[in-house]
Amino acid sequence: MPTHPAHSGNPPDFVLGDAHGTSCAPRATRLAEELLSGLGYRVRRNDPYAGGYVTRHYGRPREGVHALQVEIARTLYMDEARIERLPRMPALQADLTRMIAGLTLADWSGLG
């Protein structure tokens, strides 16, 4: 996600969009938030991105289909002015792999 002017003082590293709880079970969003926060990232929910068409269209938690949009701040992996990858990119990739592993290892029984 591009740098957002509303967050110039304390910009998030990640924004998790679950369409304000309608596209994904709160437990799933909370786990993603905990995993990212545990890795040292600043995480927000639904602000400024609550999820777009795909999240809202396909997310049907009552039917067991959960859609969570994960917005990643460009400043974590690229120089926005020059559109160039930063040296930190491999570390971010490793952290995303850890987050995905945490999500896949979670007990989702009863999630609905």
C-alpha atoms as a PDB file:
ATOM      1  CA  MET A   1       0.000   0.000   0.000  1.00  0.00           C
ATOM      2  CA  PRO A   2       1.244   3.492  -0.708  1.00  0.00           C
ATOM      3  CA  THR A   3       2.046   5.890   2.082  1.00  0.00           C
ATOM      4  CA  HIS A   4      -1.278   7.313   3.277  1.00  0.00           C
ATOM      5  CA  PRO A   5      -1.355  11.008   4.298  1.00  0.00           C
ATOM      6  CA  ALA A   6      -3.744  10.342   7.195  1.00  0.00           C
ATOM      7  CA  HIS A   7      -1.116   8.159   8.860  1.00  0.00           C
ATOM      8  CA  SER A   8       1.930  10.364   8.451  1.00  0.00           C
ATOM      9  CA  GLY A   9       2.597  10.490  12.212  1.00  0.00           C
ATOM     10  CA  ASN A  10       2.230   6.775  12.972  1.00  0.00           C
ATOM     11  CA  PRO A  11       1.863   4.815   9.745  1.00  0.00           C
ATOM     12  CA  PRO A  12       0.882   1.155   9.954  1.00  0.00           C
ATOM     13  CA  ASP A  13       3.100  -1.499   8.445  1.00  0.00           C
ATOM     14  CA  PHE A  14       0.087  -3.676   7.684  1.00  0.00           C
ATOM     15  CA  VAL A  15      -3.623  -3.049   7.347  1.00  0.00           C
ATOM     16  CA  LEU A  16      -5.879  -6.065   7.710  1.00  0.00           C
ATOM     17  CA  GLY A  17      -9.181  -5.622   5.913  1.00  0.00           C
ATOM     18  CA  ASP A  18     -12.077  -7.869   6.828  1.00  0.00           C
ATOM     19  CA  ALA A  19     -14.853  -5.525   5.716  1.00  0.00           C
ATOM     20  CA  HIS A  20     -15.429  -4.608   9.358  1.00  0.00           C
ATOM     21  CA  GLY A  21     -15.888  -8.219  10.401  1.00  0.00           C
ATOM     22  CA  THR A  22     -18.210  -9.263   7.588  1.00  0.00           C
ATOM     23  CA  SER A  23     -15.779 -11.112   5.283  1.00  0.00           C
ATOM     24  CA  CYS A  24     -13.707 -13.036   7.812  1.00  0.00           C
ATOM     25  CA  ALA A  25     -14.199 -14.474  11.284  1.00  0.00           C
ATOM     26  CA  PRO A  26     -12.868 -12.100  13.946  1.00  0.00           C
ATOM     27  CA  ARG A  27     -10.747 -14.938  15.341  1.00  0.00           C
ATOM     28  CA  ALA A  28      -8.883 -15.277  12.026  1.00  0.00           C
ATOM     29  CA  THR A  29      -8.290 -11.528  11.755  1.00  0.00           C
ATOM     30  CA  ARG A  30      -7.143 -11.417  15.378  1.00  0.00           C
ATOM     31  CA  LEU A  31      -4.653 -14.256  14.823  1.00  0.00           C
ATOM     32  CA  ALA A  32      -3.184 -12.546  11.746  1.00  0.00           C
ATOM     33  CA  GLU A  33      -2.893  -9.335  13.758  1.00  0.00           C
ATOM     34  CA  GLU A  34      -1.211 -11.133  16.684  1.00  0.00           C
ATOM     35  CA  LEU A  35       1.261 -12.898  14.413  1.00  0.00           C
ATOM     36  CA  LEU A  36       2.282  -9.693  12.649  1.00  0.00           C
ATOM     37  CA  SER A  37       2.422  -7.676  15.873  1.00  0.00           C
ATOM     38  CA  GLY A  38       4.521 -10.427  17.423  1.00  0.00           C
ATOM     39  CA  LEU A  39       7.016  -9.955  14.605  1.00  0.00           C
ATOM     40  CA  GLY A  40       7.289  -6.278  15.553  1.00  0.00           C
ATOM     41  CA  TYR A  41       4.989  -4.710  12.964  1.00  0.00           C
ATOM     42  CA  ARG A  42       2.414  -1.948  13.504  1.00  0.00           C
ATOM     43  CA  VAL A  43      -0.939  -3.364  12.453  1.00  0.00           C
ATOM     44  CA  ARG A  44      -4.319  -1.705  11.947  1.00  0.00           C
ATOM     45  CA  ARG A  45      -7.668  -3.132  11.023  1.00  0.00           C
ATOM     46  CA  ASN A  46      -9.860  -1.715   8.278  1.00  0.00           C
ATOM     47  CA  ASP A  47      -8.206   1.719   8.346  1.00  0.00           C
ATOM     48  CA  PRO A  48      -7.751   3.033   5.704  1.00  0.00           C
ATOM     49  CA  TYR A  49      -8.482  -0.179   3.769  1.00  0.00           C
ATOM     50  CA  ALA A  50     -11.398  -2.341   4.864  1.00  0.00           C
ATOM     51  CA  GLY A  51     -11.254  -4.708   1.919  1.00  0.00           C
ATOM     52  CA  GLY A  52     -12.271  -4.312  -1.663  1.00  0.00           C
ATOM     53  CA  TYR A  53     -14.457  -6.164  -4.109  1.00  0.00           C
ATOM     54  CA  VAL A  54     -12.758  -9.554  -3.764  1.00  0.00           C
ATOM     55  CA  THR A  55     -12.888  -9.509   0.037  1.00  0.00           C
ATOM     56  CA  ARG A  56     -16.519  -8.454   0.145  1.00  0.00           C
ATOM     57  CA  HIS A  57     -17.639 -10.648  -2.744  1.00  0.00           C
ATOM     58  CA  TYR A  58     -15.966 -13.903  -1.731  1.00  0.00           C
ATOM     59  CA  GLY A  59     -15.824 -13.603   2.041  1.00  0.00           C
ATOM     60  CA  ARG A  60     -18.749 -15.616   3.399  1.00  0.00           C
ATOM     61  CA  PRO A  61     -17.796 -16.632   6.940  1.00  0.00           C
ATOM     62  CA  ARG A  62     -21.196 -18.188   7.654  1.00  0.00           C
ATOM     63  CA  GLU A  63     -20.499 -20.568   4.775  1.00  0.00           C
ATOM     64  CA  GLY A  64     -16.937 -21.261   5.907  1.00  0.00           C
ATOM     65  CA  VAL A  65     -15.265 -18.972   3.359  1.00  0.00           C
ATOM     66  CA  HIS A  66     -13.076 -16.340   5.000  1.00  0.00           C
ATOM     67  CA  ALA A  67     -11.447 -13.520   3.053  1.00  0.00           C
ATOM     68  CA  LEU A  68      -8.870 -11.246   4.673  1.00  0.00           C
ATOM     69  CA  GLN A  69      -7.141  -8.482   2.750  1.00  0.00           C
ATOM     70  CA  VAL A  70      -3.537  -7.892   3.831  1.00  0.00           C
ATOM     71  CA  GLU A  71      -2.149  -4.515   2.793  1.00  0.00           C
ATOM     72  CA  ILE A  72       1.621  -4.128   3.169  1.00  0.00           C
ATOM     73  CA  ALA A  73       3.241  -0.702   3.473  1.00  0.00           C
ATOM     74  CA  ARG A  74       5.476  -0.084   0.487  1.00  0.00           C
ATOM     75  CA  THR A  75       8.035   1.518   2.780  1.00  0.00           C
ATOM     76  CA  LEU A  76       8.812  -1.963   4.134  1.00  0.00           C
ATOM     77  CA  TYR A  77      10.087  -3.257   0.831  1.00  0.00           C
ATOM     78  CA  MET A  78      10.601  -0.448  -1.683  1.00  0.00           C
ATOM     79  CA  ASP A  79      11.776   3.080  -2.253  1.00  0.00           C
ATOM     80  CA  GLU A  80       8.484   4.614  -3.377  1.00  0.00           C
ATOM     81  CA  ALA A  81      10.100   7.525  -5.184  1.00  0.00           C
ATOM     82  CA  ARG A  82      12.458   5.381  -7.247  1.00  0.00           C
ATOM     83  CA  ILE A  83      10.314   2.230  -7.412  1.00  0.00           C
ATOM     84  CA  GLU A  84      13.263   0.115  -6.285  1.00  0.00           C
ATOM     85  CA  ARG A  85      13.404  -2.864  -3.959  1.00  0.00           C
ATOM     86  CA  LEU A  86      14.972  -2.209  -0.559  1.00  0.00           C
ATOM     87  CA  PRO A  87      17.593  -4.511   0.984  1.00  0.00           C
ATOM     88  CA  ARG A  88      15.018  -5.376   3.687  1.00  0.00           C
ATOM     89  CA  MET A  89      12.811  -7.259   1.187  1.00  0.00           C
ATOM     90  CA  PRO A  90      14.155 -10.752   2.060  1.00  0.00           C
ATOM     91  CA  ALA A  91      13.504 -10.131   5.769  1.00  0.00           C
ATOM     92  CA  LEU A  92       9.928  -9.099   4.992  1.00  0.00           C
ATOM     93  CA  GLN A  93       9.480 -12.230   2.867  1.00  0.00           C
ATOM     94  CA  ALA A  94      10.714 -14.372   5.766  1.00  0.00           C
ATOM     95  CA  ASP A  95       8.309 -12.650   8.173  1.00  0.00           C
ATOM     96  CA  LEU A  96       5.383 -13.185   5.791  1.00  0.00           C
ATOM     97  CA  THR A  97       6.336 -16.853   5.552  1.00  0.00           C
ATOM     98  CA  ARG A  98       6.280 -17.037   9.376  1.00  0.00           C
ATOM     99  CA  MET A  99       2.859 -15.383   9.459  1.00  0.00           C
ATOM    100  CA  ILE A 100       1.452 -17.796   6.869  1.00  0.00           C
ATOM    101  CA  ALA A 101       2.935 -20.744   8.743  1.00  0.00           C
ATOM    102  CA  GLY A 102       1.288 -19.502  11.933  1.00  0.00           C
ATOM    103  CA  LEU A 103      -2.058 -19.265  10.187  1.00  0.00           C
ATOM    104  CA  THR A 104      -1.779 -22.718   8.639  1.00  0.00           C
ATOM    105  CA  LEU A 105      -0.777 -24.364  11.925  1.00  0.00           C
ATOM    106  CA  ALA A 106      -3.679 -22.841  13.866  1.00  0.00           C
ATOM    107  CA  ASP A 107      -6.617 -24.977  14.972  1.00  0.00           C
ATOM    108  CA  TRP A 108      -9.495 -23.715  12.873  1.00  0.00           C
ATOM    109  CA  SER A 109     -12.046 -26.282  14.017  1.00  0.00           C
ATOM    110  CA  GLY A 110     -15.280 -24.628  14.930  1.00  0.00           C
ATOM    111  CA  LEU A 111     -14.421 -21.464  13.052  1.00  0.00           C
ATOM    112  CA  GLY A 112     -17.603 -21.701  11.024  1.00  0.00           C
END
